[in-house]
Amino acid sequence: MACATKLCGINDSLLSRFEATGAKVSKKRDVVKLSTDERKRLEELIRKGKSSGKKQLKARILLRADENPLGPKWNDPQISEALGTYPIMCARVRQQFAQGGMDAV
């Protein structure tokens, strides 16, 4: 069990460079803050179920990413695990919302 003390397959120099930079797993650059109306609109979109699966997934991502006091404030890895998608998808949806609002998503 040589892998008990070291990460299997990772070059020591690469690992030391990663540790030296103090790299973080994920930084939220695009903060999602939904208004009450936006939250209701997204919840209704999911409840009706008449929109495409992609739109419903984006709505679920935004609801979980909401940073308002009513929102759960989940990070991208938490959201992706719960919804069965990739963290990069969550980051893209956050970015689209931050740049263009509800209509961009």
C-alpha atoms as a PDB file:
ATOM      1  CA  MET A   1       0.000   0.000   0.000  1.00  0.00           C
ATOM      2  CA  ALA A   2       2.410   2.647  -1.183  1.00  0.00           C
ATOM      3  CA  CYS A   3      -0.525   4.964  -1.928  1.00  0.00           C
ATOM      4  CA  ALA A   4      -1.498   5.385   1.713  1.00  0.00           C
ATOM      5  CA  THR A   5       0.932   8.263   2.287  1.00  0.00           C
ATOM      6  CA  LYS A   6       1.148   9.752  -1.220  1.00  0.00           C
ATOM      7  CA  LEU A   7      -1.341  10.445  -3.949  1.00  0.00           C
ATOM      8  CA  CYS A   8      -1.154   7.625  -6.466  1.00  0.00           C
ATOM      9  CA  GLY A   9       0.276   8.550  -9.835  1.00  0.00           C
ATOM     10  CA  ILE A  10       0.970  12.213  -9.093  1.00  0.00           C
ATOM     11  CA  ASN A  11       4.431  13.509  -9.753  1.00  0.00           C
ATOM     12  CA  ASP A  12       6.045  14.808  -6.538  1.00  0.00           C
ATOM     13  CA  SER A  13       7.256  18.005  -8.201  1.00  0.00           C
ATOM     14  CA  LEU A  14       3.786  18.700  -9.572  1.00  0.00           C
ATOM     15  CA  LEU A  15       2.259  18.121  -6.154  1.00  0.00           C
ATOM     16  CA  SER A  16       4.804  20.370  -4.454  1.00  0.00           C
ATOM     17  CA  ARG A  17       4.144  23.157  -6.997  1.00  0.00           C
ATOM     18  CA  PHE A  18       0.416  22.843  -6.382  1.00  0.00           C
ATOM     19  CA  GLU A  19       0.887  23.020  -2.608  1.00  0.00           C
ATOM     20  CA  ALA A  20       3.333  25.946  -2.916  1.00  0.00           C
ATOM     21  CA  THR A  21       0.822  28.079  -4.790  1.00  0.00           C
ATOM     22  CA  GLY A  22      -1.832  27.527  -2.149  1.00  0.00           C
ATOM     23  CA  ALA A  23      -4.300  26.818  -4.921  1.00  0.00           C
ATOM     24  CA  LYS A  24      -7.933  26.642  -3.969  1.00  0.00           C
ATOM     25  CA  VAL A  25     -10.384  24.166  -5.419  1.00  0.00           C
ATOM     26  CA  SER A  26     -12.885  26.689  -6.711  1.00  0.00           C
ATOM     27  CA  LYS A  27     -13.432  30.408  -6.333  1.00  0.00           C
ATOM     28  CA  LYS A  28     -16.851  31.838  -6.979  1.00  0.00           C
ATOM     29  CA  ARG A  29     -16.334  34.836  -9.198  1.00  0.00           C
ATOM     30  CA  ASP A  30     -19.905  35.147 -10.378  1.00  0.00           C
ATOM     31  CA  VAL A  31     -22.249  35.484  -7.425  1.00  0.00           C
ATOM     32  CA  VAL A  32     -25.908  34.626  -7.999  1.00  0.00           C
ATOM     33  CA  LYS A  33     -28.416  36.706  -6.053  1.00  0.00           C
ATOM     34  CA  LEU A  34     -31.989  36.003  -7.084  1.00  0.00           C
ATOM     35  CA  SER A  35     -34.840  38.379  -6.409  1.00  0.00           C
ATOM     36  CA  THR A  36     -38.095  36.973  -5.061  1.00  0.00           C
ATOM     37  CA  ASP A  37     -39.675  37.250  -8.517  1.00  0.00           C
ATOM     38  CA  GLU A  38     -36.754  35.478 -10.198  1.00  0.00           C
ATOM     39  CA  ARG A  39     -36.873  32.699  -7.606  1.00  0.00           C
ATOM     40  CA  LYS A  40     -40.630  32.222  -8.165  1.00  0.00           C
ATOM     41  CA  ARG A  41     -40.136  32.202 -11.940  1.00  0.00           C
ATOM     42  CA  LEU A  42     -37.468  29.484 -11.726  1.00  0.00           C
ATOM     43  CA  GLU A  43     -39.493  27.371  -9.282  1.00  0.00           C
ATOM     44  CA  GLU A  44     -42.533  27.628 -11.578  1.00  0.00           C
ATOM     45  CA  LEU A  45     -40.441  26.636 -14.603  1.00  0.00           C
ATOM     46  CA  ILE A  46     -39.342  23.478 -12.782  1.00  0.00           C
ATOM     47  CA  ARG A  47     -42.773  22.693 -11.363  1.00  0.00           C
ATOM     48  CA  LYS A  48     -44.564  22.937 -14.714  1.00  0.00           C
ATOM     49  CA  GLY A  49     -42.011  20.706 -16.430  1.00  0.00           C
ATOM     50  CA  LYS A  50     -42.942  21.916 -19.921  1.00  0.00           C
ATOM     51  CA  SER A  51     -39.568  23.452 -20.747  1.00  0.00           C
ATOM     52  CA  SER A  52     -36.508  21.624 -22.045  1.00  0.00           C
ATOM     53  CA  GLY A  53     -34.369  19.548 -19.721  1.00  0.00           C
ATOM     54  CA  LYS A  54     -31.469  21.948 -20.184  1.00  0.00           C
ATOM     55  CA  LYS A  55     -33.547  24.928 -19.053  1.00  0.00           C
ATOM     56  CA  GLN A  56     -34.776  23.001 -16.036  1.00  0.00           C
ATOM     57  CA  LEU A  57     -31.211  22.016 -15.109  1.00  0.00           C
ATOM     58  CA  LYS A  58     -30.071  25.637 -15.355  1.00  0.00           C
ATOM     59  CA  ALA A  59     -32.995  26.710 -13.172  1.00  0.00           C
ATOM     60  CA  ARG A  60     -32.069  24.104 -10.554  1.00  0.00           C
ATOM     61  CA  ILE A  61     -28.443  25.264 -10.626  1.00  0.00           C
ATOM     62  CA  LEU A  62     -29.420  28.905 -10.101  1.00  0.00           C
ATOM     63  CA  LEU A  63     -31.775  28.073  -7.242  1.00  0.00           C
ATOM     64  CA  ARG A  64     -29.046  26.155  -5.423  1.00  0.00           C
ATOM     65  CA  ALA A  65     -26.392  28.803  -6.149  1.00  0.00           C
ATOM     66  CA  ASP A  66     -28.514  31.666  -4.786  1.00  0.00           C
ATOM     67  CA  GLU A  67     -26.510  33.756  -2.276  1.00  0.00           C
ATOM     68  CA  ASN A  68     -29.508  35.594  -0.791  1.00  0.00           C
ATOM     69  CA  PRO A  69     -30.570  34.801   2.790  1.00  0.00           C
ATOM     70  CA  LEU A  70     -33.317  32.516   1.442  1.00  0.00           C
ATOM     71  CA  GLY A  71     -30.895  30.692  -0.856  1.00  0.00           C
ATOM     72  CA  PRO A  72     -28.881  27.608   0.071  1.00  0.00           C
ATOM     73  CA  LYS A  73     -25.543  29.146  -1.113  1.00  0.00           C
ATOM     74  CA  TRP A  74     -24.151  25.888  -2.502  1.00  0.00           C
ATOM     75  CA  ASN A  75     -20.830  25.832  -4.322  1.00  0.00           C
ATOM     76  CA  ASP A  76     -20.322  24.321  -7.791  1.00  0.00           C
ATOM     77  CA  PRO A  77     -19.050  20.883  -6.640  1.00  0.00           C
ATOM     78  CA  GLN A  78     -22.035  20.492  -4.281  1.00  0.00           C
ATOM     79  CA  ILE A  79     -24.499  21.484  -6.999  1.00  0.00           C
ATOM     80  CA  SER A  80     -22.921  19.264  -9.635  1.00  0.00           C
ATOM     81  CA  GLU A  81     -22.943  16.250  -7.328  1.00  0.00           C
ATOM     82  CA  ALA A  82     -26.573  16.773  -6.364  1.00  0.00           C
ATOM     83  CA  LEU A  83     -27.770  17.321  -9.935  1.00  0.00           C
ATOM     84  CA  GLY A  84     -25.513  14.854 -11.729  1.00  0.00           C
ATOM     85  CA  THR A  85     -23.712  17.408 -13.886  1.00  0.00           C
ATOM     86  CA  TYR A  86     -20.209  18.855 -14.089  1.00  0.00           C
ATOM     87  CA  PRO A  87     -18.911  21.759 -11.957  1.00  0.00           C
ATOM     88  CA  ILE A  88     -17.940  23.642 -15.127  1.00  0.00           C
ATOM     89  CA  MET A  89     -21.615  23.616 -16.178  1.00  0.00           C
ATOM     90  CA  CYS A  90     -22.524  25.252 -12.866  1.00  0.00           C
ATOM     91  CA  ALA A  91     -19.793  27.852 -13.328  1.00  0.00           C
ATOM     92  CA  ARG A  92     -21.021  28.632 -16.853  1.00  0.00           C
ATOM     93  CA  VAL A  93     -24.617  29.077 -15.678  1.00  0.00           C
ATOM     94  CA  ARG A  94     -23.432  31.418 -12.896  1.00  0.00           C
ATOM     95  CA  GLN A  95     -21.424  33.403 -15.455  1.00  0.00           C
ATOM     96  CA  GLN A  96     -24.336  33.636 -17.897  1.00  0.00           C
ATOM     97  CA  PHE A  97     -26.634  34.856 -15.142  1.00  0.00           C
ATOM     98  CA  ALA A  98     -24.087  37.415 -13.883  1.00  0.00           C
ATOM     99  CA  GLN A  99     -23.488  38.820 -17.368  1.00  0.00           C
ATOM    100  CA  GLY A 100     -27.003  38.805 -18.788  1.00  0.00           C
ATOM    101  CA  GLY A 101     -29.552  38.113 -16.074  1.00  0.00           C
ATOM    102  CA  MET A 102     -32.438  35.672 -16.364  1.00  0.00           C
ATOM    103  CA  ASP A 103     -32.836  36.062 -20.122  1.00  0.00           C
ATOM    104  CA  ALA A 104     -29.235  34.969 -20.780  1.00  0.00           C
ATOM    105  CA  VAL A 105     -29.857  31.676 -19.029  1.00  0.00           C
END
